N, C-alpha and C. Protein backbone atom coordinates (compact mmCIF):
# COMPACT_ATOMS: atom_id res chain seq x y z
N MET A 1 0.62 -1.13 -0.14
CA MET A 1 -0.03 0.14 -0.05
C MET A 1 0.82 1.25 0.08
N SER A 2 0.79 1.80 -0.62
CA SER A 2 1.50 3.41 -0.94
C SER A 2 0.77 4.40 0.37
N ASP A 3 1.85 5.46 0.78
CA ASP A 3 2.01 6.27 1.47
C ASP A 3 0.55 6.98 1.06
N LEU A 4 0.32 7.39 -0.26
CA LEU A 4 -1.46 8.11 -0.52
C LEU A 4 -2.01 7.31 -0.17
N GLU A 5 -2.42 5.80 -0.67
CA GLU A 5 -3.52 5.30 -0.15
C GLU A 5 -3.62 4.96 1.66
N ARG A 6 -2.53 4.59 2.22
CA ARG A 6 -2.52 4.97 3.73
C ARG A 6 -3.14 5.62 4.35
N ASN A 7 -2.72 6.84 3.94
CA ASN A 7 -3.16 8.56 4.03
C ASN A 7 -4.65 8.77 4.20
N ALA A 8 -4.86 8.17 2.96
CA ALA A 8 -6.51 8.16 2.95
C ALA A 8 -7.56 7.19 3.36
N ARG A 9 -6.77 6.11 3.69
CA ARG A 9 -7.81 4.94 4.52
C ARG A 9 -7.37 5.95 5.92
N HIS A 10 -6.50 6.68 6.44
CA HIS A 10 -6.41 6.88 7.70
C HIS A 10 -7.44 8.17 8.22
N ALA A 11 -7.63 8.93 7.16
CA ALA A 11 -8.31 10.00 6.93
C ALA A 11 -9.54 9.57 7.00
N ALA A 12 -9.96 8.56 6.44
CA ALA A 12 -11.43 8.21 6.21
C ALA A 12 -11.80 7.47 8.04
N ARG A 13 -11.00 6.94 8.24
CA ARG A 13 -10.94 6.55 9.69
C ARG A 13 -11.42 7.54 10.58
N MET A 14 -10.41 8.29 10.77
CA MET A 14 -10.56 9.61 11.53
C MET A 14 -11.79 9.98 11.29
N ALA A 15 -12.33 10.58 10.29
CA ALA A 15 -13.57 10.99 9.87
C ALA A 15 -15.08 10.41 10.36
N ARG A 16 -14.74 8.80 10.32
CA ARG A 16 -15.72 8.06 11.13
C ARG A 16 -15.99 8.29 12.19
N LYS A 17 -14.53 7.73 13.27
CA LYS A 17 -14.27 7.95 14.34
C LYS A 17 -14.91 9.48 15.05
N LYS A 18 -14.56 10.76 14.29
CA LYS A 18 -14.91 12.49 14.53
C LYS A 18 -16.39 12.23 14.52
N SER A 19 -17.05 11.48 13.52
CA SER A 19 -18.47 11.37 13.17
C SER A 19 -19.28 11.34 14.88
N LEU A 20 -18.82 9.78 15.10
CA LEU A 20 -19.44 9.22 16.29
C LEU A 20 -18.74 10.30 17.51
N ILE A 21 -17.62 10.36 17.77
CA ILE A 21 -18.05 11.38 18.95
C ILE A 21 -18.31 12.62 19.04
N ASP A 22 -18.46 13.12 17.68
CA ASP A 22 -19.01 13.94 18.02
C ASP A 22 -20.83 14.11 18.08
N ALA A 23 -21.31 12.77 18.20
CA ALA A 23 -22.04 12.74 18.15
C ALA A 23 -22.92 12.28 19.84
N ARG A 24 -21.78 11.53 19.95
CA ARG A 24 -21.70 11.25 21.49
C ARG A 24 -21.76 12.55 22.63
N ILE A 25 -20.71 13.41 21.96
CA ILE A 25 -20.77 14.81 23.07
C ILE A 25 -22.17 15.54 22.58
N THR A 26 -22.67 15.48 21.77
CA THR A 26 -23.90 16.27 21.88
C THR A 26 -24.87 15.42 22.55
N GLU A 27 -25.11 14.36 22.69
CA GLU A 27 -25.95 13.66 23.63
C GLU A 27 -25.59 13.90 25.12
N ALA A 28 -24.54 14.12 25.00
CA ALA A 28 -23.98 14.26 26.66
C ALA A 28 -24.57 16.19 27.28
N SER A 29 -25.67 15.96 27.40
CA SER A 29 -26.12 17.75 27.59
C SER A 29 -26.55 17.56 29.53
N ILE A 30 -25.98 16.74 30.42
CA ILE A 30 -26.71 16.66 31.65
C ILE A 30 -24.98 17.82 32.24
N ASP A 31 -25.22 18.76 33.56
CA ASP A 31 -24.05 19.13 34.07
C ASP A 31 -24.77 18.67 35.42
N THR A 32 -24.07 17.87 36.07
CA THR A 32 -24.45 17.41 37.36
C THR A 32 -22.65 17.03 38.19
N GLY A 33 -22.63 16.86 39.20
CA GLY A 33 -21.30 16.64 40.10
C GLY A 33 -21.04 15.39 39.79
N ILE A 34 -20.21 14.43 39.95
CA ILE A 34 -19.57 13.23 39.58
C ILE A 34 -18.79 12.70 41.03
N LEU A 35 -19.02 11.48 41.25
CA LEU A 35 -18.65 10.67 41.83
C LEU A 35 -17.90 9.64 41.08
N ILE A 36 -16.69 9.88 41.31
CA ILE A 36 -15.21 9.26 40.65
C ILE A 36 -14.89 8.20 41.80
N LEU A 37 -14.91 6.80 41.19
CA LEU A 37 -13.94 5.92 42.55
C LEU A 37 -12.96 5.52 41.96
N LEU A 38 -11.96 5.67 42.50
CA LEU A 38 -10.24 5.01 41.98
C LEU A 38 -9.77 3.86 42.73
N THR A 39 -9.73 2.94 42.73
CA THR A 39 -9.60 1.85 43.30
C THR A 39 -8.81 0.86 42.91
N GLY A 40 -8.31 -0.52 43.27
CA GLY A 40 -7.60 -1.59 42.54
C GLY A 40 -6.24 -1.83 43.29
N ASN A 41 -5.32 -2.76 43.01
CA ASN A 41 -4.57 -2.67 43.56
C ASN A 41 -3.26 -2.08 42.87
N GLY A 42 -3.23 -1.37 42.01
CA GLY A 42 -2.06 -0.79 41.26
C GLY A 42 -1.81 1.01 41.61
N LYS A 43 -0.48 1.10 41.74
CA LYS A 43 -0.39 2.70 41.88
C LYS A 43 -0.63 3.67 41.06
N GLY A 44 -1.01 4.65 41.68
CA GLY A 44 -1.70 6.25 40.95
C GLY A 44 -3.14 6.35 41.28
N LYS A 45 -3.82 5.60 42.09
CA LYS A 45 -4.87 6.31 42.78
C LYS A 45 -5.03 7.69 43.40
N SER A 46 -4.20 7.67 44.40
CA SER A 46 -4.20 9.35 44.78
C SER A 46 -3.46 9.91 44.13
N SER A 47 -2.45 9.75 43.27
CA SER A 47 -1.93 10.91 42.26
C SER A 47 -2.90 11.11 41.54
N SER A 48 -4.00 10.24 40.92
CA SER A 48 -5.04 10.84 39.75
C SER A 48 -5.61 12.06 40.47
N ALA A 49 -6.15 11.43 41.70
CA ALA A 49 -7.10 12.19 42.13
C ALA A 49 -6.04 13.25 42.41
N PHE A 50 -4.96 13.74 42.97
CA PHE A 50 -4.69 15.01 42.99
C PHE A 50 -4.38 15.81 41.96
N GLY A 51 -4.43 14.92 40.76
CA GLY A 51 -3.97 15.78 39.52
C GLY A 51 -5.14 16.47 39.40
N MET A 52 -6.50 15.80 39.89
CA MET A 52 -7.94 16.47 39.20
C MET A 52 -7.70 17.72 40.84
N VAL A 53 -7.31 17.46 41.47
CA VAL A 53 -7.22 18.38 42.90
C VAL A 53 -6.26 19.90 42.16
N ALA A 54 -5.34 19.70 41.19
CA ALA A 54 -4.55 20.75 40.62
C ALA A 54 -5.35 21.10 39.47
N ARG A 55 -5.89 20.60 38.89
CA ARG A 55 -7.05 20.55 37.38
C ARG A 55 -8.17 21.94 38.22
N ALA A 56 -8.91 21.00 39.02
CA ALA A 56 -9.79 22.16 39.64
C ALA A 56 -9.25 23.58 40.54
N ILE A 57 -8.06 23.41 41.05
CA ILE A 57 -7.38 24.80 41.57
C ILE A 57 -7.03 25.39 40.28
N GLY A 58 -6.63 24.89 39.38
CA GLY A 58 -6.36 25.87 38.33
C GLY A 58 -7.84 26.82 37.70
N HIS A 59 -8.91 26.20 37.65
CA HIS A 59 -10.11 26.66 37.18
C HIS A 59 -10.75 27.58 38.27
N GLY A 60 -9.47 27.53 39.30
CA GLY A 60 -10.51 28.29 40.33
C GLY A 60 -11.44 28.11 40.98
N MET A 61 -11.71 26.50 41.33
CA MET A 61 -12.69 26.02 42.22
C MET A 61 -12.33 25.73 43.35
N LYS A 62 -13.09 25.84 44.32
CA LYS A 62 -13.06 25.20 45.79
C LYS A 62 -12.88 23.97 46.00
N VAL A 63 -11.67 23.52 46.57
CA VAL A 63 -11.68 22.09 47.07
C VAL A 63 -11.25 21.79 48.38
N GLY A 64 -11.47 20.38 48.83
CA GLY A 64 -11.02 20.14 50.09
C GLY A 64 -11.01 18.82 50.15
N VAL A 65 -9.44 18.42 50.43
CA VAL A 65 -8.95 16.82 50.68
C VAL A 65 -9.24 16.45 52.14
N VAL A 66 -9.23 15.54 52.48
CA VAL A 66 -9.15 14.42 53.81
C VAL A 66 -8.62 13.23 53.25
N GLN A 67 -7.22 13.06 54.00
CA GLN A 67 -6.63 11.86 53.77
C GLN A 67 -7.25 11.02 55.19
N PHE A 68 -7.72 9.65 54.66
CA PHE A 68 -7.88 8.73 55.61
C PHE A 68 -6.67 7.94 56.01
N ILE A 69 -6.47 7.17 57.07
CA ILE A 69 -5.06 6.06 57.06
C ILE A 69 -3.89 7.01 56.99
N LYS A 70 -3.67 7.73 55.98
CA LYS A 70 -2.22 8.19 55.61
C LYS A 70 -2.15 9.13 57.10
N SER A 71 -0.55 9.20 57.63
CA SER A 71 -0.36 10.32 58.63
C SER A 71 0.80 11.14 58.14
N ARG A 72 1.35 10.85 57.05
CA ARG A 72 2.58 11.95 56.41
C ARG A 72 1.85 13.25 56.25
N THR A 73 2.64 14.12 56.45
CA THR A 73 2.70 15.65 56.42
C THR A 73 3.42 16.15 55.38
N ASP A 74 4.46 15.37 54.80
CA ASP A 74 5.56 16.00 54.21
C ASP A 74 5.77 15.23 52.66
N THR A 75 4.20 15.45 52.23
CA THR A 75 4.14 15.18 51.17
C THR A 75 4.33 15.85 49.80
N GLY A 76 4.82 15.74 48.71
CA GLY A 76 4.75 16.55 47.58
C GLY A 76 3.64 17.26 47.50
N GLU A 77 2.74 16.75 47.35
CA GLU A 77 1.19 17.11 47.16
C GLU A 77 0.46 17.97 47.67
N GLU A 78 0.88 18.12 49.27
CA GLU A 78 0.33 18.96 50.35
C GLU A 78 1.06 19.81 50.35
N ALA A 79 1.98 19.57 50.06
CA ALA A 79 3.69 20.67 50.02
C ALA A 79 2.84 21.47 48.91
N LEU A 80 2.57 21.78 48.03
CA LEU A 80 2.07 22.22 46.96
C LEU A 80 0.82 22.75 46.89
N LEU A 81 -0.10 21.72 46.84
CA LEU A 81 -1.74 21.76 46.36
C LEU A 81 -2.45 22.44 47.83
N GLY A 82 -1.52 21.98 49.01
CA GLY A 82 -2.19 22.63 50.09
C GLY A 82 -2.52 23.76 50.19
N LYS A 83 -1.32 24.82 49.81
CA LYS A 83 -1.42 25.95 49.70
C LYS A 83 -2.43 26.64 49.34
N HIS A 84 -3.03 25.66 48.23
CA HIS A 84 -4.58 26.24 47.33
C HIS A 84 -5.80 25.71 47.57
N CYS A 85 -5.88 24.89 48.68
CA CYS A 85 -7.21 24.42 48.90
C CYS A 85 -7.15 23.89 50.44
N GLU A 86 -8.19 23.32 51.11
CA GLU A 86 -8.14 22.77 52.60
C GLU A 86 -7.83 21.42 52.50
N TRP A 87 -6.74 21.15 53.37
CA TRP A 87 -6.30 20.04 53.17
C TRP A 87 -5.76 19.41 54.79
N HIS A 88 -6.38 18.29 55.24
CA HIS A 88 -6.58 17.38 56.12
C HIS A 88 -5.87 16.19 56.00
N VAL A 89 -4.83 15.55 57.07
CA VAL A 89 -4.25 14.58 56.78
C VAL A 89 -4.45 14.02 57.82
N MET A 90 -5.48 12.71 58.17
CA MET A 90 -6.14 12.70 59.70
C MET A 90 -5.97 11.05 60.06
N GLY A 91 -5.13 10.40 59.65
CA GLY A 91 -4.76 8.96 60.21
C GLY A 91 -3.77 8.99 61.02
N ASP A 92 -3.08 7.82 61.67
CA ASP A 92 -2.35 7.38 62.54
C ASP A 92 -1.26 6.82 61.77
N GLY A 93 -1.67 6.36 60.31
CA GLY A 93 -0.66 5.48 59.32
C GLY A 93 -1.31 4.51 59.29
N PHE A 94 -0.74 3.20 58.41
CA PHE A 94 -0.87 2.18 57.87
C PHE A 94 -1.82 1.42 58.52
N THR A 95 -2.54 0.90 58.55
CA THR A 95 -3.28 -0.54 59.63
C THR A 95 -2.31 -1.38 60.07
N TRP A 96 -1.41 -1.77 59.32
CA TRP A 96 -0.30 -2.67 59.69
C TRP A 96 0.51 -2.69 60.60
N ASP A 97 0.43 -0.84 60.72
CA ASP A 97 1.77 -0.57 61.06
C ASP A 97 0.81 0.27 62.97
N THR A 98 -0.39 0.39 62.89
CA THR A 98 -1.03 0.58 64.15
C THR A 98 -1.24 -0.48 64.79
N GLN A 99 -1.82 -1.20 64.06
CA GLN A 99 -2.62 -2.65 65.31
C GLN A 99 -3.52 -2.23 65.92
N ASN A 100 -4.25 -1.07 65.40
CA ASN A 100 -5.09 -0.52 66.77
C ASN A 100 -6.48 -0.43 66.16
N ARG A 101 -7.62 -1.36 66.24
CA ARG A 101 -8.97 -0.97 65.55
C ARG A 101 -9.26 0.12 66.47
N GLU A 102 -9.58 0.57 67.58
CA GLU A 102 -9.77 1.16 68.19
C GLU A 102 -9.59 2.80 68.08
N GLY A 103 -8.09 2.69 67.53
CA GLY A 103 -7.37 4.14 67.43
C GLY A 103 -7.63 4.72 65.80
N ASP A 104 -7.66 3.31 64.79
CA ASP A 104 -8.09 3.61 63.74
C ASP A 104 -9.24 4.49 63.70
N THR A 105 -10.56 3.34 64.13
CA THR A 105 -11.91 3.41 64.20
C THR A 105 -12.16 4.96 64.41
N ARG A 106 -11.15 5.45 65.63
CA ARG A 106 -11.62 7.23 66.47
C ARG A 106 -11.04 7.91 65.42
N LYS A 107 -9.93 7.72 64.75
CA LYS A 107 -9.58 8.76 63.69
C LYS A 107 -10.32 8.81 62.47
N ALA A 108 -10.87 7.59 62.00
CA ALA A 108 -11.67 7.52 61.08
C ALA A 108 -12.65 7.91 60.92
N GLU A 109 -13.20 8.09 61.88
CA GLU A 109 -14.89 9.04 62.62
C GLU A 109 -14.13 10.22 62.83
N GLU A 110 -13.11 10.62 63.10
CA GLU A 110 -12.69 12.16 63.26
C GLU A 110 -12.63 12.75 61.69
N ALA A 111 -12.08 12.22 60.99
CA ALA A 111 -11.72 12.17 59.50
C ALA A 111 -13.11 12.38 59.11
N TRP A 112 -14.14 11.78 59.02
CA TRP A 112 -16.00 11.88 58.71
C TRP A 112 -16.38 13.13 58.97
N THR A 113 -15.60 13.64 60.37
CA THR A 113 -16.55 14.55 60.22
C THR A 113 -16.34 15.86 60.02
N ILE A 114 -15.11 15.91 59.58
CA ILE A 114 -14.62 16.99 58.32
C ILE A 114 -14.89 16.80 56.86
N ALA A 115 -15.01 15.27 56.53
CA ALA A 115 -15.43 15.18 55.07
C ALA A 115 -16.93 15.40 54.95
N SER A 116 -17.83 14.88 56.42
CA SER A 116 -19.43 15.39 55.93
C SER A 116 -19.65 16.33 56.15
N ARG A 117 -18.82 17.40 56.59
CA ARG A 117 -19.16 19.20 56.44
C ARG A 117 -18.74 19.53 55.34
N MET A 118 -17.76 18.93 54.82
CA MET A 118 -17.59 19.28 53.40
C MET A 118 -18.57 18.85 52.29
N LEU A 119 -19.10 17.85 52.47
CA LEU A 119 -20.04 17.10 51.65
C LEU A 119 -21.57 17.96 51.96
N ALA A 120 -21.26 18.47 52.92
CA ALA A 120 -22.86 19.08 52.93
C ALA A 120 -22.80 20.61 52.68
N ASP A 121 -21.58 21.00 52.08
CA ASP A 121 -21.73 22.88 51.54
C ASP A 121 -21.16 22.57 50.24
N ALA A 122 -22.20 23.57 49.72
CA ALA A 122 -22.52 23.86 48.49
C ALA A 122 -20.91 24.28 47.79
N SER A 123 -20.42 25.24 48.90
CA SER A 123 -19.24 26.37 47.93
C SER A 123 -18.05 25.55 47.56
N TYR A 124 -17.84 23.80 48.26
CA TYR A 124 -16.86 23.13 47.75
C TYR A 124 -17.35 22.45 46.17
N ASP A 125 -16.08 22.82 45.65
CA ASP A 125 -16.49 22.21 44.30
C ASP A 125 -16.14 20.66 43.86
N LEU A 126 -15.08 20.22 44.34
CA LEU A 126 -14.33 19.37 44.60
C LEU A 126 -13.99 18.71 46.01
N VAL A 127 -14.21 17.29 46.53
CA VAL A 127 -13.92 16.94 47.46
C VAL A 127 -13.64 15.63 47.73
N VAL A 128 -11.96 15.73 47.77
CA VAL A 128 -11.03 13.98 47.44
C VAL A 128 -10.95 13.70 49.06
N LEU A 129 -11.76 12.23 48.81
CA LEU A 129 -11.71 11.55 50.07
C LEU A 129 -10.43 10.25 49.82
N ASP A 130 -9.33 10.39 50.46
CA ASP A 130 -7.82 9.62 49.85
C ASP A 130 -7.96 8.64 51.06
N GLU A 131 -7.95 7.46 50.50
CA GLU A 131 -7.91 6.29 51.04
C GLU A 131 -9.35 6.01 52.06
N LEU A 132 -10.31 6.32 51.86
CA LEU A 132 -11.85 6.01 52.39
C LEU A 132 -11.84 4.52 52.28
N THR A 133 -11.73 4.06 51.15
CA THR A 133 -12.22 3.15 51.04
C THR A 133 -12.00 1.75 52.20
N TYR A 134 -10.97 2.17 52.78
CA TYR A 134 -10.49 1.17 53.74
C TYR A 134 -11.32 0.94 55.00
N CYS A 135 -11.58 2.50 55.16
CA CYS A 135 -12.45 3.10 56.54
C CYS A 135 -13.92 2.29 56.17
N LEU A 136 -14.44 2.31 54.96
CA LEU A 136 -15.91 1.00 54.98
C LEU A 136 -15.10 -0.31 54.79
N SER A 137 -14.37 -0.98 54.29
CA SER A 137 -13.92 -2.07 54.28
C SER A 137 -13.74 -3.08 55.63
N TYR A 138 -12.81 -1.67 56.34
CA TYR A 138 -12.38 -2.48 58.14
C TYR A 138 -13.85 -1.99 58.70
N GLY A 139 -14.57 -1.59 58.42
CA GLY A 139 -15.87 -1.25 59.29
C GLY A 139 -15.83 -0.36 60.54
N TYR A 140 -14.59 0.65 60.24
CA TYR A 140 -13.99 1.84 61.01
C TYR A 140 -15.40 2.86 60.98
N LEU A 141 -16.10 2.75 59.66
CA LEU A 141 -16.80 4.19 59.69
C LEU A 141 -18.95 3.30 59.15
N ASP A 142 -19.73 3.75 59.70
CA ASP A 142 -20.78 3.23 59.39
C ASP A 142 -20.97 3.77 58.25
N LYS A 143 -21.23 2.52 57.21
CA LYS A 143 -21.15 2.36 55.83
C LYS A 143 -22.80 3.24 55.61
N ALA A 144 -24.13 2.61 55.93
CA ALA A 144 -24.91 3.53 55.85
C ALA A 144 -24.91 5.38 55.98
N VAL A 145 -23.98 5.50 56.76
CA VAL A 145 -24.05 7.18 57.19
C VAL A 145 -23.33 7.50 55.82
N VAL A 146 -22.08 6.92 55.74
CA VAL A 146 -21.18 7.22 54.61
C VAL A 146 -21.58 7.26 53.08
N LEU A 147 -22.46 6.47 52.69
CA LEU A 147 -23.48 6.49 51.96
C LEU A 147 -24.58 7.66 51.24
N ALA A 148 -25.09 7.76 52.55
CA ALA A 148 -26.08 8.95 52.82
C ALA A 148 -25.32 10.16 52.46
N ASP A 149 -24.57 10.47 53.09
CA ASP A 149 -23.91 11.82 53.08
C ASP A 149 -23.48 12.33 51.61
N LEU A 150 -23.01 10.60 51.08
CA LEU A 150 -22.25 11.05 49.75
C LEU A 150 -23.78 11.15 49.05
N GLU A 151 -24.40 10.44 49.06
CA GLU A 151 -25.58 10.91 47.78
C GLU A 151 -26.41 11.89 48.11
N SER A 152 -26.38 12.63 49.42
CA SER A 152 -26.83 13.60 49.60
C SER A 152 -26.54 14.97 49.40
N ARG A 153 -25.20 15.07 48.65
CA ARG A 153 -24.02 16.18 48.50
C ARG A 153 -24.95 17.11 47.56
N PRO A 154 -23.93 18.19 47.65
CA PRO A 154 -24.92 19.27 46.57
C PRO A 154 -24.79 18.73 44.94
N GLU A 155 -25.64 19.38 44.31
CA GLU A 155 -26.15 18.69 43.57
C GLU A 155 -25.02 19.09 41.92
N MET A 156 -24.20 20.06 42.25
CA MET A 156 -23.19 20.40 41.20
C MET A 156 -21.57 19.64 42.24
N GLN A 157 -21.19 19.45 43.32
CA GLN A 157 -20.35 18.77 43.85
C GLN A 157 -19.66 17.60 43.26
N HIS A 158 -18.41 17.75 43.03
CA HIS A 158 -17.68 16.57 42.57
C HIS A 158 -16.80 15.77 43.62
N VAL A 159 -16.70 14.84 43.90
CA VAL A 159 -16.34 13.73 44.98
C VAL A 159 -14.93 12.88 44.25
N VAL A 160 -14.03 12.35 44.83
CA VAL A 160 -13.16 11.34 43.97
C VAL A 160 -13.02 10.76 45.59
N ILE A 161 -12.64 9.40 45.56
CA ILE A 161 -12.89 8.48 46.29
C ILE A 161 -11.71 7.31 46.11
N THR A 162 -10.32 7.45 47.04
CA THR A 162 -9.75 6.05 46.14
C THR A 162 -9.30 5.17 47.19
N GLY A 163 -8.52 4.59 47.10
CA GLY A 163 -8.31 3.32 48.20
C GLY A 163 -8.60 1.63 47.21
N ARG A 164 -7.91 0.93 47.67
CA ARG A 164 -8.09 -0.65 47.29
C ARG A 164 -9.88 -0.97 47.66
N ALA A 165 -10.01 -2.32 47.54
CA ALA A 165 -10.50 -3.27 47.76
C ALA A 165 -12.12 -2.29 48.16
N ALA A 166 -12.80 -0.94 47.54
CA ALA A 166 -13.62 -0.43 47.52
C ALA A 166 -15.05 -1.43 47.34
N ILE A 167 -16.11 -1.41 48.53
CA ILE A 167 -17.41 -2.41 48.69
C ILE A 167 -18.06 -2.04 47.51
N PRO A 168 -18.60 -2.76 47.37
CA PRO A 168 -20.19 -3.02 45.99
C PRO A 168 -20.76 -1.74 46.16
N GLU A 169 -21.54 -1.08 47.11
CA GLU A 169 -21.90 -0.03 47.19
C GLU A 169 -21.33 1.14 46.82
N LEU A 170 -19.78 1.32 46.84
CA LEU A 170 -19.64 2.44 46.54
C LEU A 170 -18.94 2.34 45.18
N HIS A 171 -18.98 1.16 44.01
CA HIS A 171 -19.10 0.87 43.03
C HIS A 171 -20.37 1.25 42.41
N ALA A 172 -21.70 1.06 43.18
CA ALA A 172 -22.96 0.93 42.80
C ALA A 172 -23.53 2.53 42.29
N ILE A 173 -22.79 3.44 43.31
CA ILE A 173 -23.76 4.57 43.46
C ILE A 173 -22.20 5.84 42.43
N ALA A 174 -21.16 5.38 42.10
CA ALA A 174 -20.12 6.15 41.34
C ALA A 174 -20.53 6.18 40.53
N ASP A 175 -20.33 7.29 39.36
CA ASP A 175 -20.38 7.78 38.29
C ASP A 175 -19.60 7.20 37.30
N THR A 176 -18.53 7.06 37.95
CA THR A 176 -17.04 6.40 36.93
C THR A 176 -16.38 5.96 38.19
N VAL A 177 -16.14 4.87 37.72
CA VAL A 177 -15.32 4.03 38.57
C VAL A 177 -13.94 3.43 37.53
N SER A 178 -12.63 3.42 37.95
CA SER A 178 -11.49 3.17 37.48
C SER A 178 -10.80 2.47 38.56
N VAL A 179 -10.79 1.01 37.85
CA VAL A 179 -10.08 -0.01 38.68
C VAL A 179 -8.48 -0.32 38.23
N ILE A 180 -7.52 0.51 39.00
CA ILE A 180 -6.16 0.29 38.79
C ILE A 180 -5.37 -0.91 38.73
N ASP A 181 -5.01 -1.49 37.93
CA ASP A 181 -4.07 -2.37 37.88
C ASP A 181 -2.46 -2.27 38.50
N ASN A 182 -2.47 -3.47 39.15
CA ASN A 182 -0.74 -3.46 39.42
C ASN A 182 -0.04 -4.82 38.51
N GLU A 183 0.28 -4.24 37.07
CA GLU A 183 1.24 -4.88 36.33
C GLU A 183 2.39 -5.47 37.21
N LYS A 184 3.21 -4.24 37.30
CA LYS A 184 4.77 -4.42 38.01
C LYS A 184 4.71 -3.47 39.10
N HIS A 185 5.07 -3.58 39.85
CA HIS A 185 5.94 -2.26 40.82
C HIS A 185 7.42 -2.48 41.39
N ALA A 186 7.92 -1.34 41.25
CA ALA A 186 9.06 -1.20 41.73
C ALA A 186 9.55 -1.78 42.95
N PHE A 187 8.69 -1.80 44.00
CA PHE A 187 8.63 -2.19 45.26
C PHE A 187 9.09 -3.76 45.26
N ASN A 188 8.22 -4.22 44.88
CA ASN A 188 8.57 -5.78 44.38
C ASN A 188 9.65 -6.25 43.85
N ALA A 189 10.81 -5.73 43.69
CA ALA A 189 12.12 -5.64 43.17
C ALA A 189 13.17 -4.88 44.29
N GLY A 190 12.62 -4.54 45.27
CA GLY A 190 13.26 -4.48 46.31
C GLY A 190 13.79 -2.72 46.27
N ILE A 191 12.95 -1.90 45.12
CA ILE A 191 13.28 -0.45 45.66
C ILE A 191 12.27 0.32 46.31
N ARG A 192 12.92 0.90 47.29
CA ARG A 192 12.29 1.32 48.15
C ARG A 192 11.53 2.93 47.60
N ALA A 193 10.62 3.08 48.74
CA ALA A 193 9.74 4.19 48.18
C ALA A 193 10.35 5.37 47.71
N GLN A 194 10.22 6.36 46.62
CA GLN A 194 11.20 7.43 46.30
C GLN A 194 10.67 8.80 46.54
N LYS A 195 11.21 9.60 46.60
CA LYS A 195 10.79 11.27 47.10
C LYS A 195 10.29 11.54 45.56
N GLY A 196 9.15 12.16 45.47
CA GLY A 196 8.51 12.49 44.24
C GLY A 196 7.88 12.02 43.33
N VAL A 197 7.99 10.31 44.27
CA VAL A 197 7.18 9.38 43.16
C VAL A 197 6.15 9.10 44.06
N GLU A 198 6.67 8.51 45.15
CA GLU A 198 5.42 7.60 46.13
C GLU A 198 4.92 9.03 46.81
N TRP A 199 5.60 9.69 47.48
CA TRP A 199 4.87 10.85 48.41
C TRP A 199 5.75 12.03 47.93
């Protein structure tokens, strides 16, 4: 096949694709807040959420972040983005470190107090609930309360939830679900967490 023929076939294929995509864009006419669930065993769930935080801040939107489980306050994302939004690091560390169900439950409940305040406030355009999934799968929070607060939030408020092993009820109410797989990870080759990549 000549370059001229290849270019003509490519142009025709892209024209068909453009027609289909343009039709889908025309059909999508609803403006509403969306609930995004980023789950799975792969790396990048929180990083994706914080990318959306940067995007929202760039558009002048009001953003709130609540980090469940995590206890680090020296992360690059908080150092940069925390200057431009409300940011709360509420955990005592990974559950295998704390080994304290009562303490982890108490910290999760304290974090949910802040999260539920944000979810009830229409001035927040985007709320990120980082690592919330663990608090539900481990029973640290009342599932019914969390789901009710998420579903009764202001109409135009966007929410991003991150963490592994999201309960089926979160999958059910989410508008967008991305399951991030772990095909390969440097840690499995003995490489420790690197500044600027992991934290």
